[in-house]
Amino acid sequence: MLLAVNPEVEEDDLATDIELRKEVSKDSKAKQKYEARRRIDDLLEQKRLRKLLDDWELDD
């Protein structure tokens, strides 16, 4: 598609651009997964601490 608009663009450049876009997409997905896992870990830690606090209050 770009070859018709800009004939001096090499096919190798297009392949490189496509590969770079794939890498950025993979990095973005990996970052989203990391952030989601971090949020889940934070929530689990909050839940654990609340249970500990509830158990501690019942013991008093």
Protein backbone atom coordinates (compact mmCIF):
# COMPACT_ATOMS: atom_id res chain seq x y z
CA MET A 1 0.00 0.00 0.00
CA LEU A 2 2.76 2.46 0.87
CA LEU A 3 4.68 1.45 -2.24
CA ALA A 4 2.07 3.11 -4.44
CA VAL A 5 2.20 6.34 -2.45
CA ASN A 6 5.94 6.41 -1.81
CA PRO A 7 7.78 4.24 -4.38
CA GLU A 8 11.23 4.78 -2.81
CA VAL A 9 10.17 2.90 0.33
CA GLU A 10 11.85 -0.49 0.31
CA GLU A 11 9.94 -3.68 1.07
CA ASP A 12 12.53 -4.42 3.77
CA ASP A 13 11.62 -1.13 5.43
CA LEU A 14 7.96 -2.14 5.42
CA ALA A 15 8.79 -5.53 6.92
CA THR A 16 10.90 -3.83 9.59
CA ASP A 17 8.08 -1.40 10.36
CA ILE A 18 5.60 -4.27 10.70
CA GLU A 19 8.00 -6.15 13.01
CA LEU A 20 8.50 -3.04 15.15
CA ARG A 21 4.74 -2.61 15.46
CA LYS A 22 4.39 -6.24 16.54
CA GLU A 23 7.09 -5.75 19.19
CA VAL A 24 5.42 -2.59 20.51
CA SER A 25 2.12 -4.47 20.66
CA LYS A 26 3.77 -7.35 22.55
CA ASP A 27 5.43 -4.90 24.95
CA SER A 28 2.12 -3.16 25.52
CA LYS A 29 0.36 -6.45 26.24
CA ALA A 30 3.15 -7.54 28.56
CA LYS A 31 2.93 -4.24 30.42
CA GLN A 32 -0.85 -4.58 30.76
CA LYS A 33 -0.46 -8.12 32.11
CA TYR A 34 2.20 -6.97 34.55
CA GLU A 35 0.00 -4.11 35.79
CA ALA A 36 -3.01 -6.43 36.15
CA ARG A 37 -0.99 -8.97 38.12
CA ARG A 38 0.39 -6.21 40.34
CA ARG A 39 -3.14 -4.95 41.06
CA ILE A 40 -4.28 -8.48 41.86
CA ASP A 41 -1.32 -8.95 44.21
CA ASP A 42 -2.15 -5.64 45.91
CA LEU A 43 -5.77 -6.70 46.39
CA LEU A 44 -4.77 -10.09 47.77
CA GLU A 45 -2.38 -8.41 50.20
CA GLN A 46 -5.14 -6.03 51.33
CA LYS A 47 -7.46 -8.98 51.86
CA ARG A 48 -4.80 -10.82 53.87
CA LEU A 49 -4.12 -7.78 56.04
CA ARG A 50 -7.83 -7.18 56.66
CA LYS A 51 -8.27 -10.79 57.76
CA LEU A 52 -5.27 -10.47 60.05
CA LEU A 53 -6.70 -7.28 61.53
CA ASP A 54 -10.15 -8.85 61.97
CA ASP A 55 -8.63 -11.89 63.68
CA TRP A 56 -6.52 -9.66 65.91
CA GLU A 57 -9.56 -7.58 66.97
CA LEU A 58 -11.52 -10.72 67.84
CA ASP A 59 -8.71 -11.96 70.06
CA ASP A 60 -8.76 -8.79 72.20
